[in-house]
Amino acid sequence: MYAKFQTNTFQCVLATSGSQSFIIVYYLSGGMQVVGTPFATVGLSSNEGDTTLPSSDTDRVLDITATGNSGEEGLWVWRVDTVTTLPGDSI
């Protein structure tokens, strides 16, 4: 058993207006821990492909709490309602 548990703290929201949908992820400053290696993959995955954050898989991965694509530190927003479906795919 570990003497000290380390956790990763973030909030994730799927928001929709019915015509537009967004994934909103907030990485709390000091809330991310990388144990054993400074590298981690952070981002989104779908059948359309992967989207990783700029510092993902680098020794600066914890920078995700101080950067963002929304103008706010640690706040990342992706629009996800524009997914292309292939013939025969179910939604």
N, C-alpha and C. Protein backbone atom coordinates (compact mmCIF):
# COMPACT_ATOMS: atom_id res chain seq x y z
N MET A 1 0.84 -1.18 0.00
CA MET A 1 0.00 0.00 0.00
C MET A 1 0.89 1.24 0.00
N TYR A 2 0.48 2.24 -0.74
CA TYR A 2 1.24 3.47 -0.82
C TYR A 2 1.03 4.31 0.44
N ALA A 3 2.11 4.91 0.90
CA ALA A 3 2.03 5.79 2.07
C ALA A 3 1.30 7.08 1.73
N LYS A 4 1.46 7.52 0.51
CA LYS A 4 0.82 8.77 0.08
C LYS A 4 0.16 8.55 -1.27
N PHE A 5 -1.09 8.89 -1.38
CA PHE A 5 -1.80 8.78 -2.64
C PHE A 5 -1.69 10.11 -3.39
N GLN A 6 -1.39 10.02 -4.66
CA GLN A 6 -1.34 11.21 -5.49
C GLN A 6 -2.50 11.13 -6.48
N THR A 7 -3.19 12.21 -6.64
CA THR A 7 -4.35 12.22 -7.52
C THR A 7 -4.21 13.30 -8.58
N ASN A 8 -4.96 13.15 -9.63
CA ASN A 8 -5.08 14.15 -10.67
C ASN A 8 -6.47 14.74 -10.56
N THR A 9 -6.55 16.05 -10.44
CA THR A 9 -7.83 16.72 -10.26
C THR A 9 -8.13 17.59 -11.47
N PHE A 10 -9.26 17.30 -12.10
CA PHE A 10 -9.73 18.14 -13.20
C PHE A 10 -11.24 18.00 -13.29
N GLN A 11 -11.86 18.96 -13.94
CA GLN A 11 -13.30 18.93 -14.15
C GLN A 11 -13.56 18.85 -15.64
N CYS A 12 -14.54 18.05 -16.03
CA CYS A 12 -14.88 17.89 -17.43
C CYS A 12 -16.39 18.03 -17.58
N VAL A 13 -16.81 18.83 -18.58
CA VAL A 13 -18.22 19.08 -18.83
C VAL A 13 -18.49 18.88 -20.32
N LEU A 14 -19.59 18.20 -20.62
CA LEU A 14 -20.09 18.14 -21.98
C LEU A 14 -21.31 19.04 -22.01
N ALA A 15 -21.25 20.11 -22.80
CA ALA A 15 -22.34 21.09 -22.85
C ALA A 15 -22.89 21.14 -24.27
N THR A 16 -24.20 21.25 -24.39
CA THR A 16 -24.81 21.35 -25.71
C THR A 16 -26.00 22.30 -25.69
N SER A 17 -26.20 22.95 -26.82
CA SER A 17 -27.38 23.80 -27.00
C SER A 17 -28.41 23.05 -27.84
N GLY A 18 -28.09 21.86 -28.26
CA GLY A 18 -28.93 21.10 -29.16
C GLY A 18 -28.41 21.16 -30.59
N SER A 19 -27.69 22.23 -30.92
CA SER A 19 -27.09 22.33 -32.25
C SER A 19 -25.57 22.43 -32.19
N GLN A 20 -25.04 22.90 -31.08
CA GLN A 20 -23.59 22.96 -30.89
C GLN A 20 -23.24 22.24 -29.59
N SER A 21 -22.14 21.48 -29.62
CA SER A 21 -21.70 20.75 -28.43
C SER A 21 -20.22 21.02 -28.18
N PHE A 22 -19.88 21.13 -26.89
CA PHE A 22 -18.52 21.44 -26.49
C PHE A 22 -18.08 20.54 -25.34
N ILE A 23 -16.81 20.19 -25.32
CA ILE A 23 -16.19 19.57 -24.16
C ILE A 23 -15.34 20.64 -23.51
N ILE A 24 -15.56 20.85 -22.22
CA ILE A 24 -14.85 21.86 -21.46
C ILE A 24 -14.09 21.14 -20.35
N VAL A 25 -12.78 21.32 -20.31
CA VAL A 25 -11.95 20.67 -19.28
C VAL A 25 -11.17 21.75 -18.55
N TYR A 26 -11.25 21.68 -17.22
CA TYR A 26 -10.50 22.61 -16.36
C TYR A 26 -9.49 21.83 -15.55
N TYR A 27 -8.22 22.16 -15.73
CA TYR A 27 -7.13 21.54 -14.98
C TYR A 27 -6.72 22.50 -13.87
N LEU A 28 -6.98 22.13 -12.65
CA LEU A 28 -6.71 22.95 -11.48
C LEU A 28 -5.21 23.09 -11.25
N SER A 29 -4.75 24.30 -10.98
CA SER A 29 -3.34 24.54 -10.67
C SER A 29 -2.95 23.70 -9.45
N GLY A 30 -1.89 22.92 -9.57
CA GLY A 30 -1.44 22.06 -8.49
C GLY A 30 -2.22 20.75 -8.39
N GLY A 31 -3.21 20.57 -9.26
CA GLY A 31 -4.06 19.39 -9.20
C GLY A 31 -3.59 18.22 -10.03
N MET A 32 -2.56 18.41 -10.84
CA MET A 32 -2.07 17.33 -11.69
C MET A 32 -0.75 16.79 -11.13
N GLN A 33 -0.67 15.49 -11.04
CA GLN A 33 0.53 14.81 -10.54
C GLN A 33 0.98 13.81 -11.59
N VAL A 34 2.25 13.76 -11.87
CA VAL A 34 2.80 12.74 -12.77
C VAL A 34 3.80 11.95 -11.94
N VAL A 35 3.51 10.67 -11.76
CA VAL A 35 4.32 9.82 -10.88
C VAL A 35 5.21 8.90 -11.71
N GLY A 36 6.50 8.87 -11.41
CA GLY A 36 7.42 7.93 -12.03
C GLY A 36 8.05 8.43 -13.32
N THR A 37 7.41 9.33 -14.00
CA THR A 37 7.94 9.88 -15.24
C THR A 37 7.36 11.27 -15.43
N PRO A 38 8.07 12.17 -16.05
CA PRO A 38 7.52 13.51 -16.25
C PRO A 38 6.60 13.58 -17.47
N PHE A 39 6.38 12.45 -18.15
CA PHE A 39 5.61 12.48 -19.39
C PHE A 39 4.22 11.88 -19.20
N ALA A 40 3.23 12.47 -19.83
CA ALA A 40 1.87 11.95 -19.85
C ALA A 40 1.19 12.48 -21.10
N THR A 41 0.25 11.70 -21.62
CA THR A 41 -0.53 12.13 -22.77
C THR A 41 -1.83 12.72 -22.27
N VAL A 42 -2.14 13.94 -22.70
CA VAL A 42 -3.35 14.64 -22.27
C VAL A 42 -4.05 15.16 -23.51
N GLY A 43 -5.36 14.87 -23.61
CA GLY A 43 -6.12 15.35 -24.76
C GLY A 43 -7.41 14.59 -24.92
N LEU A 44 -7.91 14.55 -26.15
CA LEU A 44 -9.16 13.87 -26.48
C LEU A 44 -8.89 12.80 -27.52
N SER A 45 -9.71 11.75 -27.47
CA SER A 45 -9.59 10.66 -28.43
C SER A 45 -10.98 10.36 -28.99
N SER A 46 -11.05 10.11 -30.28
CA SER A 46 -12.31 9.71 -30.90
C SER A 46 -12.00 8.83 -32.10
N ASN A 47 -13.05 8.32 -32.73
CA ASN A 47 -12.81 7.52 -33.92
C ASN A 47 -12.32 8.38 -35.09
N GLU A 48 -12.39 9.70 -34.94
CA GLU A 48 -11.88 10.64 -35.94
C GLU A 48 -10.38 10.88 -35.78
N GLY A 49 -9.83 10.51 -34.61
CA GLY A 49 -8.42 10.73 -34.35
C GLY A 49 -8.20 11.32 -32.96
N ASP A 50 -6.98 11.63 -32.66
CA ASP A 50 -6.61 12.15 -31.35
C ASP A 50 -6.27 13.64 -31.44
N THR A 51 -6.59 14.36 -30.38
CA THR A 51 -6.19 15.74 -30.22
C THR A 51 -5.45 15.82 -28.90
N THR A 52 -4.17 16.14 -28.94
CA THR A 52 -3.40 16.24 -27.70
C THR A 52 -3.03 17.69 -27.43
N LEU A 53 -2.88 18.00 -26.15
CA LEU A 53 -2.50 19.35 -25.75
C LEU A 53 -1.05 19.59 -26.12
N PRO A 54 -0.66 20.86 -26.35
CA PRO A 54 0.68 21.18 -26.84
C PRO A 54 1.83 20.61 -26.01
N SER A 55 1.69 20.56 -24.71
CA SER A 55 2.80 20.06 -23.88
C SER A 55 2.67 18.58 -23.56
N SER A 56 1.70 17.92 -24.15
CA SER A 56 1.49 16.49 -23.93
C SER A 56 2.72 15.70 -24.36
N ASP A 57 3.02 14.65 -23.61
CA ASP A 57 4.16 13.76 -23.89
C ASP A 57 5.51 14.46 -23.81
N THR A 58 5.58 15.53 -23.03
CA THR A 58 6.86 16.22 -22.82
C THR A 58 7.07 16.41 -21.32
N ASP A 59 8.25 16.89 -20.96
CA ASP A 59 8.52 17.14 -19.55
C ASP A 59 7.81 18.40 -19.06
N ARG A 60 7.06 19.08 -19.92
CA ARG A 60 6.31 20.28 -19.54
C ARG A 60 4.80 20.01 -19.51
N VAL A 61 4.42 18.75 -19.39
CA VAL A 61 3.00 18.38 -19.43
C VAL A 61 2.19 19.07 -18.34
N LEU A 62 2.78 19.36 -17.20
CA LEU A 62 2.03 20.02 -16.13
C LEU A 62 1.71 21.48 -16.45
N ASP A 63 2.27 22.00 -17.56
CA ASP A 63 1.94 23.35 -18.00
C ASP A 63 0.46 23.49 -18.39
N ILE A 64 -0.25 22.37 -18.56
CA ILE A 64 -1.66 22.45 -18.94
C ILE A 64 -2.49 23.21 -17.92
N THR A 65 -2.00 23.30 -16.68
CA THR A 65 -2.73 24.04 -15.66
C THR A 65 -2.51 25.55 -15.75
N ALA A 66 -1.47 25.96 -16.46
CA ALA A 66 -1.14 27.39 -16.57
C ALA A 66 -1.42 27.94 -17.96
N THR A 67 -1.83 27.06 -18.88
CA THR A 67 -2.13 27.48 -20.24
C THR A 67 -3.56 27.06 -20.56
N GLY A 68 -4.02 27.35 -21.73
CA GLY A 68 -5.36 26.96 -22.16
C GLY A 68 -5.63 27.49 -23.55
N ASN A 69 -6.71 27.06 -24.16
CA ASN A 69 -7.08 27.56 -25.48
C ASN A 69 -8.29 28.49 -25.40
N SER A 70 -8.65 28.90 -24.18
CA SER A 70 -9.85 29.70 -23.98
C SER A 70 -9.55 31.12 -23.49
N GLY A 71 -8.28 31.39 -23.19
CA GLY A 71 -7.93 32.68 -22.62
C GLY A 71 -7.86 32.64 -21.10
N GLU A 72 -8.25 31.52 -20.50
CA GLU A 72 -8.19 31.32 -19.05
C GLU A 72 -7.18 30.22 -18.74
N GLU A 73 -6.39 30.41 -17.69
CA GLU A 73 -5.40 29.40 -17.31
C GLU A 73 -6.08 28.09 -16.94
N GLY A 74 -5.60 27.00 -17.52
CA GLY A 74 -6.09 25.66 -17.19
C GLY A 74 -7.42 25.30 -17.83
N LEU A 75 -8.01 26.20 -18.61
CA LEU A 75 -9.32 25.94 -19.21
C LEU A 75 -9.17 25.66 -20.70
N TRP A 76 -9.59 24.44 -21.08
CA TRP A 76 -9.48 23.98 -22.46
C TRP A 76 -10.88 23.67 -22.97
N VAL A 77 -11.22 24.16 -24.18
CA VAL A 77 -12.55 23.98 -24.75
C VAL A 77 -12.42 23.47 -26.18
N TRP A 78 -13.20 22.42 -26.49
CA TRP A 78 -13.23 21.89 -27.84
C TRP A 78 -14.67 21.78 -28.32
N ARG A 79 -14.92 22.23 -29.53
CA ARG A 79 -16.24 22.02 -30.14
C ARG A 79 -16.25 20.61 -30.73
N VAL A 80 -17.28 19.84 -30.42
CA VAL A 80 -17.28 18.44 -30.82
C VAL A 80 -18.52 18.03 -31.62
N ASP A 81 -19.35 18.98 -32.02
CA ASP A 81 -20.55 18.61 -32.75
C ASP A 81 -20.33 18.50 -34.25
N THR A 82 -19.12 18.74 -34.72
CA THR A 82 -18.84 18.70 -36.14
C THR A 82 -18.21 17.39 -36.57
N VAL A 83 -18.44 16.32 -35.82
CA VAL A 83 -17.87 15.01 -36.14
C VAL A 83 -18.51 14.49 -37.42
N THR A 84 -17.67 14.00 -38.31
CA THR A 84 -18.15 13.42 -39.56
C THR A 84 -18.45 11.95 -39.34
N THR A 85 -19.62 11.51 -39.78
CA THR A 85 -19.95 10.09 -39.69
C THR A 85 -19.83 9.46 -41.06
N LEU A 86 -19.48 8.20 -41.07
CA LEU A 86 -19.34 7.46 -42.33
C LEU A 86 -20.63 6.69 -42.60
N PRO A 87 -20.93 6.40 -43.87
CA PRO A 87 -22.13 5.61 -44.18
C PRO A 87 -22.13 4.30 -43.37
N GLY A 88 -23.24 4.01 -42.75
CA GLY A 88 -23.35 2.78 -41.94
C GLY A 88 -23.03 2.99 -40.48
N ASP A 89 -22.42 4.14 -40.12
CA ASP A 89 -22.15 4.43 -38.70
C ASP A 89 -23.45 4.77 -37.99
N SER A 90 -23.58 4.33 -36.76
CA SER A 90 -24.74 4.74 -35.98
C SER A 90 -24.33 5.88 -35.08
N ILE A 91 -25.26 6.72 -34.78
CA ILE A 91 -24.98 7.89 -33.93
C ILE A 91 -25.55 7.65 -32.57
